[in-house]
Amino acid sequence: MSRAEGWASRVLLVGGVFGIALMGVGVLVGLPGIARLGIVALCLTPCAAVVAAGIAFSVDGDRRFTMVSAIVVTLLLLSFWLGGAS
């Protein structure tokens, strides 16, 4: 497994567990704001994973995949913004 794959998989695991935990706590305690925060965390987790992979590609000196990661992050953030997610 490459460094980028390792970093991205760790971010996805932690972000997924964190988002699901927030949603569970929000539902069990009856605080919809906490549950919404969990949904936002789950939505932002893939973007954070791409950022982590881009950083790993940069550390490895792979300019091509660093640029691809930057483009993907830009498109993800643009789609969130244009789609009304905030």
N, C-alpha and C. Protein backbone atom coordinates (compact mmCIF):
# COMPACT_ATOMS: atom_id res chain seq x y z
N MET A 1 0.85 -1.17 0.00
CA MET A 1 0.00 0.00 0.00
C MET A 1 0.90 1.23 0.00
N SER A 2 0.58 2.18 -0.86
CA SER A 2 1.38 3.40 -0.95
C SER A 2 1.04 4.33 0.22
N ARG A 3 1.87 5.32 0.39
CA ARG A 3 1.66 6.30 1.46
C ARG A 3 0.32 7.02 1.28
N ALA A 4 -0.01 7.40 0.04
CA ALA A 4 -1.27 8.11 -0.22
C ALA A 4 -2.47 7.23 0.12
N GLU A 5 -2.41 5.96 -0.25
CA GLU A 5 -3.51 5.05 0.08
C GLU A 5 -3.67 4.90 1.59
N GLY A 6 -2.56 4.79 2.29
CA GLY A 6 -2.60 4.66 3.75
C GLY A 6 -3.20 5.88 4.42
N TRP A 7 -2.75 7.06 4.01
CA TRP A 7 -3.26 8.29 4.61
C TRP A 7 -4.74 8.46 4.31
N ALA A 8 -5.13 8.23 3.05
CA ALA A 8 -6.54 8.39 2.68
C ALA A 8 -7.42 7.39 3.42
N SER A 9 -6.97 6.14 3.55
CA SER A 9 -7.79 5.14 4.22
C SER A 9 -7.96 5.48 5.70
N ARG A 10 -6.91 6.01 6.34
CA ARG A 10 -7.03 6.39 7.75
C ARG A 10 -8.01 7.55 7.93
N VAL A 11 -7.94 8.53 7.04
CA VAL A 11 -8.86 9.67 7.11
C VAL A 11 -10.29 9.20 6.90
N LEU A 12 -10.51 8.31 5.95
CA LEU A 12 -11.86 7.80 5.70
C LEU A 12 -12.39 7.02 6.90
N LEU A 13 -11.54 6.22 7.52
CA LEU A 13 -11.96 5.44 8.67
C LEU A 13 -12.32 6.34 9.85
N VAL A 14 -11.42 7.26 10.18
CA VAL A 14 -11.66 8.15 11.31
C VAL A 14 -12.86 9.07 11.04
N GLY A 15 -12.95 9.62 9.85
CA GLY A 15 -14.07 10.50 9.52
C GLY A 15 -15.40 9.78 9.53
N GLY A 16 -15.42 8.56 9.02
CA GLY A 16 -16.65 7.77 9.02
C GLY A 16 -17.11 7.42 10.41
N VAL A 17 -16.18 6.95 11.23
CA VAL A 17 -16.52 6.60 12.62
C VAL A 17 -16.97 7.84 13.39
N PHE A 18 -16.26 8.95 13.21
CA PHE A 18 -16.62 10.19 13.90
C PHE A 18 -18.01 10.68 13.49
N GLY A 19 -18.28 10.68 12.19
CA GLY A 19 -19.58 11.14 11.69
C GLY A 19 -20.73 10.26 12.18
N ILE A 20 -20.53 8.95 12.13
CA ILE A 20 -21.57 8.03 12.58
C ILE A 20 -21.77 8.16 14.09
N ALA A 21 -20.69 8.34 14.84
CA ALA A 21 -20.81 8.53 16.29
C ALA A 21 -21.59 9.80 16.61
N LEU A 22 -21.29 10.89 15.92
CA LEU A 22 -22.03 12.13 16.15
C LEU A 22 -23.51 11.96 15.82
N MET A 23 -23.81 11.28 14.73
CA MET A 23 -25.21 11.06 14.38
C MET A 23 -25.91 10.21 15.43
N GLY A 24 -25.25 9.17 15.89
CA GLY A 24 -25.83 8.29 16.91
C GLY A 24 -26.09 9.03 18.20
N VAL A 25 -25.12 9.81 18.65
CA VAL A 25 -25.29 10.58 19.88
C VAL A 25 -26.42 11.59 19.72
N GLY A 26 -26.46 12.25 18.59
CA GLY A 26 -27.52 13.23 18.34
C GLY A 26 -28.90 12.61 18.37
N VAL A 27 -29.05 11.43 17.81
CA VAL A 27 -30.35 10.76 17.79
C VAL A 27 -30.70 10.25 19.19
N LEU A 28 -29.74 9.63 19.87
CA LEU A 28 -30.02 9.07 21.19
C LEU A 28 -30.33 10.13 22.24
N VAL A 29 -29.62 11.25 22.17
CA VAL A 29 -29.82 12.31 23.16
C VAL A 29 -30.97 13.21 22.76
N GLY A 30 -31.34 13.20 21.50
CA GLY A 30 -32.44 14.03 21.02
C GLY A 30 -32.01 15.43 20.62
N LEU A 31 -30.77 15.56 20.18
CA LEU A 31 -30.25 16.85 19.71
C LEU A 31 -30.03 16.77 18.20
N PRO A 32 -30.97 17.28 17.42
CA PRO A 32 -30.82 17.18 15.96
C PRO A 32 -29.62 17.95 15.43
N GLY A 33 -29.18 18.98 16.13
CA GLY A 33 -28.00 19.72 15.67
C GLY A 33 -26.74 18.87 15.67
N ILE A 34 -26.61 18.01 16.68
CA ILE A 34 -25.45 17.10 16.74
C ILE A 34 -25.54 16.08 15.60
N ALA A 35 -26.74 15.57 15.34
CA ALA A 35 -26.91 14.62 14.25
C ALA A 35 -26.59 15.27 12.90
N ARG A 36 -26.99 16.53 12.73
CA ARG A 36 -26.66 17.24 11.49
C ARG A 36 -25.16 17.43 11.35
N LEU A 37 -24.49 17.70 12.46
CA LEU A 37 -23.03 17.84 12.43
C LEU A 37 -22.38 16.53 11.98
N GLY A 38 -22.94 15.41 12.39
CA GLY A 38 -22.44 14.11 11.94
C GLY A 38 -22.61 13.92 10.45
N ILE A 39 -23.74 14.39 9.92
CA ILE A 39 -23.97 14.28 8.47
C ILE A 39 -22.97 15.16 7.72
N VAL A 40 -22.71 16.36 8.24
CA VAL A 40 -21.72 17.25 7.61
C VAL A 40 -20.34 16.60 7.64
N ALA A 41 -20.00 15.97 8.79
CA ALA A 41 -18.70 15.29 8.89
C ALA A 41 -18.60 14.18 7.86
N LEU A 42 -19.68 13.43 7.67
CA LEU A 42 -19.66 12.36 6.67
C LEU A 42 -19.54 12.91 5.25
N CYS A 43 -20.13 14.07 5.00
CA CYS A 43 -20.02 14.68 3.66
C CYS A 43 -18.62 15.21 3.39
N LEU A 44 -17.96 15.73 4.41
CA LEU A 44 -16.63 16.32 4.22
C LEU A 44 -15.50 15.29 4.28
N THR A 45 -15.78 14.09 4.77
CA THR A 45 -14.74 13.07 4.90
C THR A 45 -14.06 12.71 3.58
N PRO A 46 -14.80 12.49 2.48
CA PRO A 46 -14.10 12.18 1.22
C PRO A 46 -13.19 13.31 0.75
N CYS A 47 -13.61 14.55 0.97
CA CYS A 47 -12.79 15.69 0.59
C CYS A 47 -11.49 15.71 1.41
N ALA A 48 -11.62 15.43 2.69
CA ALA A 48 -10.43 15.39 3.56
C ALA A 48 -9.50 14.25 3.15
N ALA A 49 -10.07 13.14 2.70
CA ALA A 49 -9.25 12.01 2.26
C ALA A 49 -8.47 12.37 1.00
N VAL A 50 -9.10 13.10 0.09
CA VAL A 50 -8.40 13.52 -1.13
C VAL A 50 -7.29 14.51 -0.78
N VAL A 51 -7.55 15.41 0.19
CA VAL A 51 -6.51 16.34 0.65
C VAL A 51 -5.34 15.56 1.24
N ALA A 52 -5.63 14.56 2.07
CA ALA A 52 -4.56 13.75 2.68
C ALA A 52 -3.75 13.02 1.61
N ALA A 53 -4.44 12.48 0.62
CA ALA A 53 -3.73 11.79 -0.46
C ALA A 53 -2.88 12.78 -1.26
N GLY A 54 -3.41 13.98 -1.49
CA GLY A 54 -2.63 15.00 -2.20
C GLY A 54 -1.37 15.39 -1.45
N ILE A 55 -1.48 15.51 -0.13
CA ILE A 55 -0.30 15.82 0.68
C ILE A 55 0.70 14.68 0.61
N ALA A 56 0.20 13.44 0.68
CA ALA A 56 1.11 12.29 0.58
C ALA A 56 1.79 12.24 -0.78
N PHE A 57 1.05 12.53 -1.85
CA PHE A 57 1.67 12.58 -3.18
C PHE A 57 2.72 13.67 -3.24
N SER A 58 2.46 14.80 -2.62
CA SER A 58 3.42 15.89 -2.60
C SER A 58 4.68 15.50 -1.84
N VAL A 59 4.50 14.83 -0.69
CA VAL A 59 5.66 14.38 0.09
C VAL A 59 6.49 13.38 -0.72
N ASP A 60 5.80 12.54 -1.50
CA ASP A 60 6.50 11.56 -2.34
C ASP A 60 7.12 12.18 -3.58
N GLY A 61 6.80 13.45 -3.86
CA GLY A 61 7.36 14.13 -5.02
C GLY A 61 6.63 13.84 -6.31
N ASP A 62 5.42 13.33 -6.23
CA ASP A 62 4.64 13.01 -7.42
C ASP A 62 3.78 14.21 -7.80
N ARG A 63 4.30 15.06 -8.69
CA ARG A 63 3.62 16.30 -9.05
C ARG A 63 2.31 16.07 -9.79
N ARG A 64 2.29 15.06 -10.65
CA ARG A 64 1.10 14.81 -11.46
C ARG A 64 -0.09 14.47 -10.56
N PHE A 65 0.07 13.53 -9.64
CA PHE A 65 -1.04 13.15 -8.79
C PHE A 65 -1.36 14.20 -7.73
N THR A 66 -0.38 15.02 -7.37
CA THR A 66 -0.65 16.15 -6.49
C THR A 66 -1.60 17.12 -7.18
N MET A 67 -1.36 17.39 -8.45
CA MET A 67 -2.23 18.29 -9.21
C MET A 67 -3.62 17.68 -9.41
N VAL A 68 -3.66 16.38 -9.69
CA VAL A 68 -4.95 15.71 -9.85
C VAL A 68 -5.74 15.81 -8.55
N SER A 69 -5.08 15.60 -7.43
CA SER A 69 -5.75 15.71 -6.13
C SER A 69 -6.27 17.12 -5.89
N ALA A 70 -5.48 18.12 -6.26
CA ALA A 70 -5.91 19.51 -6.09
C ALA A 70 -7.12 19.81 -6.95
N ILE A 71 -7.14 19.29 -8.16
CA ILE A 71 -8.29 19.51 -9.05
C ILE A 71 -9.53 18.82 -8.49
N VAL A 72 -9.37 17.60 -7.98
CA VAL A 72 -10.51 16.86 -7.42
C VAL A 72 -11.07 17.59 -6.21
N VAL A 73 -10.19 18.08 -5.32
CA VAL A 73 -10.66 18.82 -4.15
C VAL A 73 -11.39 20.08 -4.58
N THR A 74 -10.85 20.78 -5.56
CA THR A 74 -11.51 21.98 -6.05
C THR A 74 -12.90 21.67 -6.60
N LEU A 75 -13.02 20.60 -7.37
CA LEU A 75 -14.32 20.22 -7.91
C LEU A 75 -15.29 19.78 -6.83
N LEU A 76 -14.81 19.06 -5.82
CA LEU A 76 -15.68 18.66 -4.72
C LEU A 76 -16.21 19.88 -3.97
N LEU A 77 -15.32 20.80 -3.63
CA LEU A 77 -15.74 22.00 -2.91
C LEU A 77 -16.67 22.86 -3.76
N LEU A 78 -16.38 22.95 -5.04
CA LEU A 78 -17.25 23.70 -5.95
C LEU A 78 -18.64 23.07 -6.03
N SER A 79 -18.69 21.75 -6.07
CA SER A 79 -19.99 21.06 -6.13
C SER A 79 -20.77 21.27 -4.83
N PHE A 80 -20.08 21.26 -3.68
CA PHE A 80 -20.75 21.55 -2.41
C PHE A 80 -21.32 22.97 -2.43
N TRP A 81 -20.53 23.90 -2.89
CA TRP A 81 -20.93 25.31 -2.91
C TRP A 81 -22.09 25.56 -3.86
N LEU A 82 -21.97 25.03 -5.08
CA LEU A 82 -23.02 25.24 -6.07
C LEU A 82 -24.28 24.43 -5.76
N GLY A 83 -24.10 23.32 -5.06
CA GLY A 83 -25.25 22.50 -4.69
C GLY A 83 -25.99 23.02 -3.47
N GLY A 84 -25.45 24.03 -2.82
CA GLY A 84 -26.12 24.61 -1.67
C GLY A 84 -25.77 23.98 -0.35
N ALA A 85 -24.76 23.11 -0.31
CA ALA A 85 -24.36 22.49 0.96
C ALA A 85 -23.52 23.48 1.76
N SER A 86 -24.01 23.82 2.92
CA SER A 86 -23.25 24.71 3.79
C SER A 86 -23.68 24.56 5.22
